[in-house]
């Protein structure tokens, strides 16, 4: 599916793009294992594996990353936004670190969640 998405982006004139998924089944970068990255650069698609350990990001268990019911999730979001440290904070901060790395790689691209 990722290569199809990049093919469509290429047809629309996109010069650089990344599509990724966690190798644990998440539809985003993950910190519980590696992630597969499909990158479109100058019309060519390159695929590679991104390991959070290579970026200095420790592994997190899937249980730590999992959410809860609506009330628990709202409490976790409020805690993250207020700067509290907790079980949801590491994954959020590490995703932001990866976003920063991608932003640094592409001067004209902003990461969106």
N, C-alpha and C. Protein backbone atom coordinates (compact mmCIF):
# COMPACT_ATOMS: atom_id res chain seq x y z
N UNK A 1 0.82 -1.19 0.00
CA UNK A 1 0.00 0.00 0.00
C UNK A 1 0.87 1.26 0.00
N UNK A 2 1.97 1.25 0.73
CA UNK A 2 2.83 2.44 0.82
C UNK A 2 3.39 2.81 -0.55
N UNK A 3 3.83 1.82 -1.31
CA UNK A 3 4.38 2.13 -2.63
C UNK A 3 3.29 2.66 -3.57
N UNK A 4 2.06 2.19 -3.41
CA UNK A 4 0.95 2.74 -4.20
C UNK A 4 0.70 4.21 -3.83
N UNK A 5 0.75 4.49 -2.54
CA UNK A 5 0.56 5.87 -2.09
C UNK A 5 1.64 6.78 -2.68
N UNK A 6 2.89 6.31 -2.64
CA UNK A 6 3.97 7.11 -3.18
C UNK A 6 3.84 7.26 -4.69
N UNK A 7 3.36 6.21 -5.37
CA UNK A 7 3.12 6.29 -6.81
C UNK A 7 2.09 7.36 -7.13
N UNK A 8 1.04 7.42 -6.34
CA UNK A 8 0.01 8.44 -6.54
C UNK A 8 0.58 9.84 -6.27
N UNK A 9 1.37 9.97 -5.22
CA UNK A 9 1.99 11.26 -4.91
C UNK A 9 2.93 11.70 -6.04
N UNK A 10 3.68 10.73 -6.59
CA UNK A 10 4.58 11.05 -7.70
C UNK A 10 3.78 11.56 -8.89
N UNK A 11 2.66 10.89 -9.21
CA UNK A 11 1.82 11.32 -10.33
C UNK A 11 1.25 12.72 -10.11
N UNK A 12 1.07 13.09 -8.86
CA UNK A 12 0.55 14.42 -8.53
C UNK A 12 1.65 15.48 -8.50
N UNK A 13 2.88 15.06 -8.78
CA UNK A 13 3.97 16.02 -8.85
C UNK A 13 4.81 16.15 -7.59
N UNK A 14 4.57 15.32 -6.62
CA UNK A 14 5.35 15.37 -5.39
C UNK A 14 6.78 14.94 -5.68
N UNK A 15 7.75 15.70 -5.18
CA UNK A 15 9.15 15.37 -5.42
C UNK A 15 9.76 14.56 -4.28
N UNK A 16 9.35 14.84 -3.06
CA UNK A 16 9.88 14.12 -1.90
C UNK A 16 8.73 13.80 -0.95
N UNK A 17 8.71 12.54 -0.49
CA UNK A 17 7.68 12.13 0.46
C UNK A 17 8.16 10.88 1.19
N UNK A 18 7.61 10.66 2.36
CA UNK A 18 7.88 9.44 3.14
C UNK A 18 6.56 8.86 3.61
N UNK A 19 6.43 7.55 3.48
CA UNK A 19 5.29 6.82 4.03
C UNK A 19 5.90 5.73 4.89
N UNK A 20 5.41 5.59 6.10
CA UNK A 20 6.00 4.60 7.00
C UNK A 20 4.94 3.91 7.83
N UNK A 21 5.34 2.76 8.37
CA UNK A 21 4.48 2.02 9.30
C UNK A 21 5.36 1.23 10.24
N UNK A 22 4.84 1.05 11.45
CA UNK A 22 5.56 0.27 12.44
C UNK A 22 5.50 -1.21 12.10
N UNK A 23 6.61 -1.89 12.31
CA UNK A 23 6.65 -3.33 12.03
C UNK A 23 5.90 -4.14 13.08
N UNK A 24 5.33 -3.45 14.06
CA UNK A 24 4.46 -4.09 15.04
C UNK A 24 2.99 -3.97 14.65
N UNK A 25 2.73 -3.40 13.45
CA UNK A 25 1.36 -3.29 12.96
C UNK A 25 0.76 -1.90 13.12
N UNK A 26 1.46 -1.00 13.80
CA UNK A 26 0.94 0.36 13.93
C UNK A 26 1.00 1.07 12.59
N UNK A 27 0.10 2.00 12.36
CA UNK A 27 0.08 2.74 11.11
C UNK A 27 0.86 4.05 11.23
N UNK A 28 1.92 4.01 12.01
CA UNK A 28 2.77 5.17 12.24
C UNK A 28 4.13 4.67 12.69
N UNK A 29 5.08 5.58 12.87
CA UNK A 29 6.36 5.16 13.44
C UNK A 29 6.12 4.60 14.82
N UNK A 30 6.91 3.61 15.19
CA UNK A 30 6.74 2.98 16.49
C UNK A 30 8.04 2.99 17.27
N UNK A 31 7.93 2.87 18.57
CA UNK A 31 9.12 2.73 19.41
C UNK A 31 9.19 1.34 20.04
N UNK A 32 8.21 0.47 19.72
CA UNK A 32 8.25 -0.87 20.30
C UNK A 32 9.09 -1.83 19.46
N UNK A 33 9.39 -1.47 18.22
CA UNK A 33 10.24 -2.26 17.33
C UNK A 33 10.68 -1.35 16.19
N UNK A 34 11.08 -1.93 15.08
CA UNK A 34 11.50 -1.12 13.93
C UNK A 34 10.28 -0.64 13.14
N UNK A 35 10.52 0.30 12.24
CA UNK A 35 9.50 0.78 11.32
C UNK A 35 10.04 0.66 9.90
N UNK A 36 9.17 0.41 8.95
CA UNK A 36 9.56 0.37 7.55
C UNK A 36 9.23 1.73 6.94
N UNK A 37 10.21 2.31 6.26
CA UNK A 37 10.06 3.62 5.65
C UNK A 37 10.18 3.48 4.14
N UNK A 38 9.22 4.03 3.44
CA UNK A 38 9.24 4.09 1.98
C UNK A 38 9.41 5.57 1.64
N UNK A 39 10.44 5.87 0.89
CA UNK A 39 10.79 7.26 0.63
C UNK A 39 10.82 7.52 -0.88
N UNK A 40 10.17 8.58 -1.29
CA UNK A 40 10.19 9.03 -2.68
C UNK A 40 11.15 10.20 -2.78
N UNK A 41 12.20 10.03 -3.59
CA UNK A 41 13.18 11.09 -3.82
C UNK A 41 13.51 11.11 -5.30
N UNK A 42 13.30 12.25 -5.94
CA UNK A 42 13.63 12.42 -7.36
C UNK A 42 13.02 11.32 -8.23
N UNK A 43 11.77 10.96 -7.94
CA UNK A 43 11.05 9.99 -8.74
C UNK A 43 11.35 8.53 -8.42
N UNK A 44 12.27 8.27 -7.52
CA UNK A 44 12.63 6.91 -7.15
C UNK A 44 12.13 6.59 -5.74
N UNK A 45 11.65 5.36 -5.56
CA UNK A 45 11.20 4.91 -4.24
C UNK A 45 12.30 4.06 -3.61
N UNK A 46 12.67 4.41 -2.40
CA UNK A 46 13.66 3.67 -1.62
C UNK A 46 12.98 3.18 -0.35
N UNK A 47 13.27 1.96 0.04
CA UNK A 47 12.68 1.40 1.25
C UNK A 47 13.79 1.04 2.22
N UNK A 48 13.61 1.41 3.48
CA UNK A 48 14.60 1.07 4.50
C UNK A 48 13.92 0.88 5.84
N UNK A 49 14.67 0.35 6.78
CA UNK A 49 14.18 0.10 8.13
C UNK A 49 14.74 1.15 9.07
N UNK A 50 13.89 1.70 9.89
CA UNK A 50 14.28 2.68 10.89
C UNK A 50 14.15 2.04 12.27
N UNK A 51 15.24 2.02 13.01
CA UNK A 51 15.24 1.45 14.35
C UNK A 51 15.37 2.59 15.35
N UNK A 52 14.40 2.74 16.27
CA UNK A 52 14.49 3.84 17.24
C UNK A 52 15.78 3.80 18.07
N UNK A 53 16.32 2.60 18.28
CA UNK A 53 17.57 2.49 19.05
C UNK A 53 18.70 3.24 18.36
N UNK A 54 18.69 3.27 17.02
CA UNK A 54 19.73 3.99 16.27
C UNK A 54 19.64 5.49 16.49
N UNK A 55 18.49 5.97 16.95
CA UNK A 55 18.29 7.39 17.22
C UNK A 55 18.39 7.71 18.71
N UNK A 56 18.80 6.71 19.50
CA UNK A 56 18.92 6.91 20.94
C UNK A 56 17.60 6.84 21.68
N UNK A 57 16.59 6.26 21.03
CA UNK A 57 15.26 6.16 21.63
C UNK A 57 15.07 4.73 22.16
N UNK A 58 14.84 4.58 23.46
CA UNK A 58 14.67 3.22 24.01
C UNK A 58 13.36 2.58 23.55
N UNK A 59 13.35 1.27 23.55
CA UNK A 59 12.14 0.52 23.18
C UNK A 59 11.05 0.75 24.23
N UNK A 60 9.83 0.79 23.76
CA UNK A 60 8.67 0.86 24.64
C UNK A 60 7.82 -0.37 24.37
N UNK A 61 7.16 -0.87 25.38
CA UNK A 61 6.29 -2.02 25.17
C UNK A 61 4.99 -1.55 24.53
N UNK A 62 4.37 -2.45 23.80
CA UNK A 62 3.09 -2.12 23.15
C UNK A 62 2.05 -1.73 24.21
N UNK A 63 2.11 -2.37 25.39
CA UNK A 63 1.18 -2.04 26.47
C UNK A 63 1.34 -0.60 26.92
N UNK A 64 2.58 -0.11 26.95
CA UNK A 64 2.84 1.26 27.36
C UNK A 64 2.26 2.25 26.35
N UNK A 65 2.30 1.89 25.07
CA UNK A 65 1.84 2.78 24.01
C UNK A 65 0.32 2.74 23.84
N UNK A 66 -0.30 1.66 24.28
CA UNK A 66 -1.75 1.50 24.08
C UNK A 66 -2.52 2.52 24.90
N UNK A 67 -3.60 2.97 24.35
CA UNK A 67 -4.48 3.89 25.05
C UNK A 67 -5.45 3.14 25.94
N UNK A 68 -6.39 3.87 26.48
CA UNK A 68 -7.41 3.27 27.33
C UNK A 68 -8.78 3.75 26.90
N UNK A 69 -9.66 3.92 27.86
CA UNK A 69 -10.99 4.44 27.53
C UNK A 69 -10.88 5.96 27.31
N UNK A 70 -11.97 6.57 26.89
CA UNK A 70 -11.96 8.00 26.53
C UNK A 70 -11.48 8.87 27.69
N UNK A 71 -11.92 8.58 28.90
CA UNK A 71 -11.54 9.39 30.05
C UNK A 71 -10.04 9.26 30.34
N UNK A 72 -9.52 8.04 30.30
CA UNK A 72 -8.09 7.82 30.54
C UNK A 72 -7.24 8.49 29.46
N UNK A 73 -7.69 8.38 28.21
CA UNK A 73 -6.95 9.00 27.11
C UNK A 73 -6.94 10.52 27.25
N UNK A 74 -8.07 11.10 27.66
CA UNK A 74 -8.14 12.55 27.86
C UNK A 74 -7.20 12.98 28.97
N UNK A 75 -7.15 12.20 30.06
CA UNK A 75 -6.24 12.52 31.16
C UNK A 75 -4.79 12.45 30.69
N UNK A 76 -4.46 11.44 29.89
CA UNK A 76 -3.09 11.28 29.38
C UNK A 76 -2.71 12.45 28.48
N UNK A 77 -3.62 12.88 27.63
CA UNK A 77 -3.35 14.01 26.74
C UNK A 77 -3.12 15.29 27.56
N UNK A 78 -3.96 15.51 28.56
CA UNK A 78 -3.79 16.70 29.41
C UNK A 78 -2.43 16.64 30.12
N UNK A 79 -2.03 15.46 30.58
CA UNK A 79 -0.75 15.31 31.28
C UNK A 79 0.42 15.62 30.33
N UNK A 80 0.36 15.09 29.11
CA UNK A 80 1.42 15.35 28.13
C UNK A 80 1.50 16.84 27.82
N UNK A 81 0.35 17.47 27.59
CA UNK A 81 0.33 18.88 27.22
C UNK A 81 0.78 19.79 28.36
N UNK A 82 0.62 19.33 29.59
CA UNK A 82 1.07 20.14 30.72
C UNK A 82 2.51 19.84 31.11
N UNK A 83 3.16 18.92 30.38
CA UNK A 83 4.57 18.64 30.62
C UNK A 83 4.85 17.56 31.64
N UNK A 84 3.81 16.88 32.13
CA UNK A 84 4.02 15.82 33.10
C UNK A 84 4.70 14.63 32.44
N UNK A 85 5.55 13.97 33.21
CA UNK A 85 6.18 12.74 32.74
C UNK A 85 5.27 11.58 33.11
N UNK A 86 5.18 10.59 32.22
CA UNK A 86 4.33 9.45 32.49
C UNK A 86 4.48 8.42 31.39
N UNK A 87 3.66 7.41 31.44
CA UNK A 87 3.81 6.30 30.50
C UNK A 87 3.55 6.70 29.06
N UNK A 88 2.73 7.72 28.82
CA UNK A 88 2.45 8.13 27.45
C UNK A 88 3.44 9.17 26.95
N UNK A 89 4.11 9.85 27.85
CA UNK A 89 5.04 10.91 27.46
C UNK A 89 6.19 10.41 26.60
N UNK A 90 6.87 9.29 26.92
CA UNK A 90 8.01 8.88 26.11
C UNK A 90 7.68 8.66 24.64
N UNK A 91 6.61 7.97 24.36
CA UNK A 91 6.25 7.71 22.97
C UNK A 91 5.95 8.99 22.22
N UNK A 92 5.29 9.91 22.88
CA UNK A 92 4.96 11.19 22.25
C UNK A 92 6.22 11.99 21.98
N UNK A 93 7.08 12.07 22.96
CA UNK A 93 8.32 12.84 22.79
C UNK A 93 9.20 12.22 21.72
N UNK A 94 9.27 10.89 21.69
CA UNK A 94 10.13 10.23 20.72
C UNK A 94 9.59 10.39 19.31
N UNK A 95 8.28 10.37 19.15
CA UNK A 95 7.71 10.62 17.83
C UNK A 95 8.07 12.03 17.37
N UNK A 96 8.05 12.98 18.29
CA UNK A 96 8.44 14.35 17.95
C UNK A 96 9.90 14.41 17.55
N UNK A 97 10.77 13.63 18.23
CA UNK A 97 12.19 13.59 17.86
C UNK A 97 12.38 13.07 16.45
N UNK A 98 11.64 12.03 16.10
CA UNK A 98 11.73 11.48 14.74
C UNK A 98 11.21 12.51 13.75
N UNK A 99 10.10 13.19 14.08
CA UNK A 99 9.59 14.25 13.21
C UNK A 99 10.66 15.31 12.98
N UNK A 100 11.38 15.69 14.04
CA UNK A 100 12.44 16.69 13.90
C UNK A 100 13.53 16.19 12.97
N UNK A 101 13.90 14.91 13.08
CA UNK A 101 14.92 14.34 12.19
C UNK A 101 14.47 14.40 10.75
N UNK A 102 13.20 14.09 10.49
CA UNK A 102 12.67 14.15 9.13
C UNK A 102 12.64 15.60 8.66
N UNK A 103 12.20 16.52 9.52
CA UNK A 103 12.18 17.94 9.16
C UNK A 103 13.58 18.42 8.78
N UNK A 104 14.60 17.97 9.54
CA UNK A 104 15.97 18.37 9.24
C UNK A 104 16.43 17.83 7.89
N UNK A 105 15.95 16.65 7.53
CA UNK A 105 16.36 16.03 6.27
C UNK A 105 15.76 16.76 5.08
N UNK A 106 14.54 17.25 5.24
CA UNK A 106 13.85 17.96 4.17
C UNK A 106 13.56 19.37 4.62
N UNK A 107 14.33 20.31 4.15
CA UNK A 107 14.17 21.71 4.56
C UNK A 107 12.79 22.27 4.24
N UNK A 108 12.19 21.79 3.15
CA UNK A 108 10.92 22.37 2.70
C UNK A 108 9.72 21.51 3.04
N UNK A 109 9.89 20.55 3.93
CA UNK A 109 8.80 19.64 4.28
C UNK A 109 8.54 19.74 5.77
N UNK A 110 7.29 19.82 6.15
CA UNK A 110 6.92 19.80 7.57
C UNK A 110 6.21 18.50 7.86
N UNK A 111 6.54 17.88 8.97
CA UNK A 111 5.87 16.65 9.38
C UNK A 111 4.54 16.99 10.00
N UNK A 112 3.55 16.19 9.69
CA UNK A 112 2.24 16.35 10.30
C UNK A 112 1.83 15.02 10.89
N UNK A 113 1.10 15.06 11.96
CA UNK A 113 0.65 13.82 12.62
C UNK A 113 -0.78 13.56 12.25
